[in-house]
Amino acid sequence: MSYLENLFSLDGKVAVAIGAGGVLAGAMADALGGAGARVAVLDLNGEAADERAAANREATGGESLGMAVDATSEKDLRKALGQVLSLWGRVDILLNAPGINSGTPFFEITEEEWDRIMTVNLKSMFLACQIFGQEMVDRGEGGSVINISSASSGPPLSKVFTYSITKAGVNNLTQFLAREWAPHSVRVNAVAPGFFPAEQNRKLLTEERTASIMGHTPMGRFGEADELAGAVVWLASTQASSFVTGTVIRVDGGFTAMTI
């Protein structure tokens, strides 16, 4: 095995990818599989999870399993953990990426919508970290948790009020757990994508908003899903990022570095 292969290899590792039936998290799950990990693809849409797992197996020749899981349900997540442990005996990597969005103006946000976005985007992150993170801590062999944040986590973006607040919470959760779990060699980091058009945000990308985004993105374009792969594999690798914890890696074409 070459130096680079050894540095970034995830051979023998087991990854749980929550929300990976979608485009962005699916591409990240593919990257973990491509680096050698066995990947459990968890998604509310069981069919999408199965399709992603099948594509992962075909592309990598490795092991991947799709599961229909409600990430907001502690019962579902504990059942999924049991299945992964029964099949592969361990969890080394948690890719935590459930999320929904809404462009409702502030004064029109209902309590129901607020609670729904908070539950999917933040409560599910907490539950997954608690359930899968405890397995890593108790096993005593370390691990890597990768929470998916957003460029909207701060400063917040217009039109996505509740979503931005949940992603700020993800950053705080990430740093808190990094501090708590460092003595157990369980690293906790976040990846904050910039603008990667997907189904949940495409409806917000009006011509005017797209022009505004491009004017605020030094690289002058949207991101492609596979451009998240490097950051995720790096954070998942014990060798490559062994001293990295509590950080938010921004993959945003320079968006959050831009002022005027």
Protein backbone atom coordinates (compact mmCIF):
# COMPACT_ATOMS: atom_id res chain seq x y z
CA MET A 1 0.00 0.00 0.00
CA SER A 2 1.38 3.42 -0.97
CA TYR A 3 1.90 6.28 1.48
CA LEU A 4 -1.26 8.08 0.34
CA GLU A 5 -3.33 4.91 0.32
CA ASN A 6 -2.25 4.18 3.88
CA LEU A 7 -2.90 7.75 4.97
CA PHE A 8 -6.48 7.86 3.72
CA SER A 9 -7.48 4.20 3.70
CA LEU A 10 -10.64 3.24 5.58
CA ASP A 11 -10.13 -0.49 5.07
CA GLY A 12 -11.65 -2.47 7.93
CA LYS A 13 -13.70 0.50 9.13
CA VAL A 14 -17.48 0.55 9.47
CA ALA A 15 -19.38 3.73 8.63
CA VAL A 16 -22.97 4.65 9.39
CA ALA A 17 -24.26 7.34 7.01
CA ILE A 18 -27.55 8.92 8.11
CA GLY A 19 -29.56 10.75 5.47
CA ALA A 20 -27.44 9.21 2.73
CA GLY A 21 -30.38 8.45 0.47
CA GLY A 22 -30.07 12.06 -0.66
CA VAL A 23 -27.67 13.53 -3.21
CA LEU A 24 -25.05 15.20 -1.02
CA ALA A 25 -24.91 12.73 1.87
CA GLY A 26 -25.12 9.93 -0.69
CA ALA A 27 -22.01 11.21 -2.43
CA MET A 28 -20.26 11.40 0.95
CA ALA A 29 -21.29 7.82 1.74
CA ASP A 30 -19.94 6.76 -1.67
CA ALA A 31 -16.62 8.40 -0.79
CA LEU A 32 -16.40 6.45 2.47
CA GLY A 33 -17.10 3.22 0.60
CA GLY A 34 -14.59 4.13 -2.09
CA ALA A 35 -11.93 4.57 0.60
CA GLY A 36 -12.61 1.03 1.84
CA ALA A 37 -15.22 1.36 4.58
CA ARG A 38 -18.23 -0.88 4.92
CA VAL A 39 -21.18 1.50 4.79
CA ALA A 40 -24.64 1.33 6.34
CA VAL A 41 -26.85 3.79 4.43
CA LEU A 42 -29.69 5.02 6.63
CA ASP A 43 -32.54 7.11 5.27
CA LEU A 44 -36.23 7.73 5.90
CA ASN A 45 -36.72 6.67 2.28
CA GLY A 46 -35.81 2.99 2.43
CA GLU A 47 -35.86 2.60 -1.34
CA ALA A 48 -33.39 5.46 -1.78
CA ALA A 49 -31.17 3.92 0.92
CA ASP A 50 -31.21 0.54 -0.83
CA GLU A 51 -30.41 2.11 -4.20
CA ARG A 52 -27.49 4.07 -2.75
CA ALA A 53 -26.13 0.97 -0.99
CA ALA A 54 -26.42 -1.06 -4.21
CA ALA A 55 -24.61 1.63 -6.19
CA ASN A 56 -21.91 1.74 -3.52
CA ARG A 57 -21.39 -2.02 -3.71
CA GLU A 58 -21.24 -1.94 -7.50
CA ALA A 59 -18.77 0.94 -7.59
CA THR A 60 -16.43 -0.29 -4.87
CA GLY A 61 -16.90 -4.04 -4.71
CA GLY A 62 -17.24 -3.57 -0.95
CA GLU A 63 -20.01 -4.10 1.55
CA SER A 64 -22.92 -1.70 1.91
CA LEU A 65 -26.39 -2.07 3.38
CA GLY A 66 -29.45 0.15 3.04
CA MET A 67 -31.84 0.66 5.95
CA ALA A 68 -35.14 2.52 6.27
CA VAL A 69 -34.67 4.57 9.43
CA ASP A 70 -36.45 7.58 10.90
CA ALA A 71 -33.51 9.61 12.23
CA THR A 72 -35.79 11.41 14.69
CA SER A 73 -36.71 8.12 16.35
CA GLU A 74 -34.49 6.82 19.15
CA LYS A 75 -36.07 3.38 18.70
CA ASP A 76 -35.21 3.29 14.99
CA LEU A 77 -31.64 4.43 15.55
CA ARG A 78 -31.03 1.88 18.32
CA LYS A 79 -32.44 -0.84 16.09
CA ALA A 80 -30.11 0.26 13.28
CA LEU A 81 -27.13 0.19 15.65
CA GLY A 82 -28.05 -3.34 16.64
CA GLN A 83 -28.22 -4.42 13.01
CA VAL A 84 -24.84 -2.88 12.18
CA LEU A 85 -23.20 -4.48 15.21
CA SER A 86 -24.78 -7.83 14.39
CA LEU A 87 -23.51 -7.65 10.82
CA TRP A 88 -20.11 -5.98 11.18
CA GLY A 89 -19.40 -5.89 14.92
CA ARG A 90 -18.42 -2.22 15.30
CA VAL A 91 -19.00 1.40 14.28
CA ASP A 92 -15.96 3.54 13.52
CA ILE A 93 -17.46 6.43 11.57
CA LEU A 94 -20.74 8.30 11.89
CA LEU A 95 -21.73 10.56 9.01
CA ASN A 96 -24.61 12.54 10.48
CA ALA A 97 -26.51 14.27 7.68
CA PRO A 98 -30.31 14.38 8.09
CA GLY A 99 -31.85 17.70 7.13
CA ILE A 100 -34.82 19.61 5.77
CA ASN A 101 -35.21 23.25 4.83
CA SER A 102 -37.85 25.92 4.32
CA GLY A 103 -37.89 29.43 2.94
CA THR A 104 -40.91 30.62 4.96
CA PRO A 105 -40.69 34.34 5.90
CA PHE A 106 -40.09 34.87 9.62
CA PHE A 107 -43.55 36.18 10.54
CA GLU A 108 -45.19 33.28 8.70
CA ILE A 109 -43.26 30.47 10.37
CA THR A 110 -45.66 28.30 12.32
CA GLU A 111 -44.87 26.48 15.52
CA GLU A 112 -45.45 23.23 13.63
CA GLU A 113 -42.85 24.12 10.97
CA TRP A 114 -40.36 25.32 13.59
CA ASP A 115 -40.71 22.09 15.57
CA ARG A 116 -40.44 19.90 12.45
CA ILE A 117 -37.19 21.50 11.24
CA MET A 118 -35.70 21.55 14.73
CA THR A 119 -36.57 17.89 15.19
CA VAL A 120 -35.14 16.68 11.88
CA ASN A 121 -32.06 18.91 11.77
CA LEU A 122 -31.00 19.06 15.40
CA LYS A 123 -32.76 16.48 17.57
CA SER A 124 -31.82 13.72 15.12
CA MET A 125 -28.16 14.85 15.26
CA PHE A 126 -28.25 14.69 19.04
CA LEU A 127 -29.84 11.24 19.07
CA ALA A 128 -27.40 9.78 16.54
CA CYS A 129 -24.39 11.20 18.39
CA GLN A 130 -25.71 9.82 21.66
CA ILE A 131 -26.49 6.34 20.33
CA PHE A 132 -23.62 5.69 17.92
CA GLY A 133 -21.17 7.85 19.83
CA GLN A 134 -21.70 5.85 23.00
CA GLU A 135 -20.84 2.67 21.09
CA MET A 136 -17.55 4.25 19.99
CA VAL A 137 -16.71 5.56 23.45
CA ASP A 138 -17.60 2.29 25.19
CA ARG A 139 -15.64 0.18 22.67
CA GLY A 140 -12.56 2.19 23.51
CA GLU A 141 -10.89 2.09 20.09
CA GLY A 142 -11.71 5.63 19.00
CA GLY A 143 -13.83 6.82 16.13
CA SER A 144 -14.86 9.76 13.96
CA VAL A 145 -18.16 11.63 14.00
CA ILE A 146 -18.79 13.93 11.05
CA ASN A 147 -21.81 16.19 11.47
CA ILE A 148 -23.10 18.06 8.44
CA SER A 149 -23.46 21.77 9.09
CA SER A 150 -23.95 24.54 6.53
CA ALA A 151 -22.59 27.87 5.35
CA SER A 152 -25.80 29.27 6.86
CA SER A 153 -24.68 28.35 10.39
CA GLY A 154 -23.17 31.79 10.79
CA PRO A 155 -23.48 34.45 9.71
CA PRO A 156 -27.02 33.25 8.93
CA LEU A 157 -28.44 33.35 5.43
CA SER A 158 -31.62 35.13 4.47
CA LYS A 159 -34.81 33.14 3.78
CA VAL A 160 -33.79 30.06 5.81
CA PHE A 161 -34.31 31.26 9.37
CA THR A 162 -35.04 28.03 11.22
CA TYR A 163 -32.59 26.01 9.15
CA SER A 164 -29.77 28.46 9.95
CA ILE A 165 -30.47 28.23 13.67
CA THR A 166 -30.37 24.43 13.59
CA LYS A 167 -27.02 24.46 11.79
CA ALA A 168 -25.57 26.88 14.35
CA GLY A 169 -26.71 24.30 16.91
CA VAL A 170 -24.93 21.56 14.98
CA ASN A 171 -21.67 23.51 15.21
CA ASN A 172 -22.10 23.94 18.96
CA LEU A 173 -22.98 20.27 19.45
CA THR A 174 -19.91 19.31 17.45
CA GLN A 175 -17.55 21.39 19.57
CA PHE A 176 -19.14 20.28 22.83
CA LEU A 177 -18.82 16.59 22.02
CA ALA A 178 -15.29 17.04 20.66
CA ARG A 179 -14.27 18.31 24.08
CA GLU A 180 -16.13 15.57 25.94
CA TRP A 181 -14.96 12.63 23.85
CA ALA A 182 -11.36 13.59 23.11
CA PRO A 183 -10.05 11.50 26.06
CA HIS A 184 -11.68 8.49 24.39
CA SER A 185 -10.04 9.20 20.99
CA VAL A 186 -13.44 9.82 19.44
CA ARG A 187 -13.07 12.86 17.21
CA VAL A 188 -16.09 15.04 16.38
CA ASN A 189 -15.99 17.49 13.49
CA ALA A 190 -18.40 19.11 11.07
CA VAL A 191 -18.43 19.79 7.34
CA ALA A 192 -20.23 22.96 6.29
CA PRO A 193 -21.12 22.88 2.59
CA GLY A 194 -21.80 26.09 0.74
CA PHE A 195 -24.26 26.09 -2.15
CA PHE A 196 -24.74 22.63 -3.61
CA PRO A 197 -28.11 22.61 -5.41
CA ALA A 198 -30.23 19.66 -4.26
CA GLU A 199 -33.93 18.95 -4.03
CA GLN A 200 -34.38 20.56 -0.61
CA ASN A 201 -32.91 23.94 -1.62
CA ARG A 202 -33.44 24.14 -5.38
CA LYS A 203 -36.84 25.80 -4.97
CA LEU A 204 -35.17 28.66 -3.10
CA LEU A 205 -32.74 29.38 -5.93
CA THR A 206 -34.57 32.09 -7.83
CA GLU A 207 -32.69 33.93 -10.56
CA GLU A 208 -32.17 36.91 -8.22
CA ARG A 209 -30.94 34.74 -5.34
CA THR A 210 -28.62 32.77 -7.61
CA ALA A 211 -27.05 36.00 -8.85
CA SER A 212 -26.57 37.13 -5.25
CA ILE A 213 -24.92 33.82 -4.32
CA MET A 214 -22.59 33.91 -7.29
CA GLY A 215 -21.62 37.49 -6.47
CA HIS A 216 -20.71 36.39 -2.95
CA THR A 217 -18.82 33.22 -3.95
CA PRO A 218 -15.24 33.93 -5.04
CA MET A 219 -15.11 30.74 -7.12
CA GLY A 220 -18.21 31.93 -8.99
CA ARG A 221 -20.11 28.64 -9.21
CA PHE A 222 -22.12 26.07 -7.27
CA GLY A 223 -20.42 23.08 -5.74
CA GLU A 224 -20.67 19.54 -7.10
CA ALA A 225 -21.60 16.73 -4.73
CA ASP A 226 -18.35 14.81 -5.23
CA GLU A 227 -16.38 17.89 -4.12
CA LEU A 228 -17.36 17.02 -0.54
CA ALA A 229 -15.59 13.66 -0.75
CA GLY A 230 -12.09 14.79 0.16
CA ALA A 231 -13.10 16.57 3.37
CA VAL A 232 -15.20 13.63 4.52
CA VAL A 233 -12.58 10.96 3.84
CA TRP A 234 -9.91 13.11 5.49
CA LEU A 235 -11.99 13.56 8.65
CA ALA A 236 -12.92 9.88 8.71
CA SER A 237 -9.31 8.73 8.45
CA THR A 238 -7.58 8.10 11.76
CA GLN A 239 -4.20 8.49 10.11
CA ALA A 240 -4.85 11.66 8.12
CA SER A 241 -6.76 13.70 10.72
CA SER A 242 -5.70 12.13 14.02
CA PHE A 243 -5.25 15.52 15.75
CA VAL A 244 -8.33 17.20 14.28
CA THR A 245 -11.41 17.54 16.46
CA GLY A 246 -13.95 20.23 17.24
CA THR A 247 -13.54 22.00 13.93
CA VAL A 248 -15.94 23.01 11.17
CA ILE A 249 -14.53 22.45 7.68
CA ARG A 250 -16.10 24.81 5.16
CA VAL A 251 -16.45 23.56 1.61
CA ASP A 252 -18.07 26.60 0.09
CA GLY A 253 -15.98 28.08 -2.71
CA GLY A 254 -14.94 30.92 -0.41
CA PHE A 255 -18.50 32.04 0.40
CA THR A 256 -17.91 32.55 4.12
CA ALA A 257 -14.60 34.34 3.47
CA MET A 258 -16.33 37.03 1.41
CA THR A 259 -17.33 40.42 2.77
CA ILE A 260 -17.60 43.25 0.25
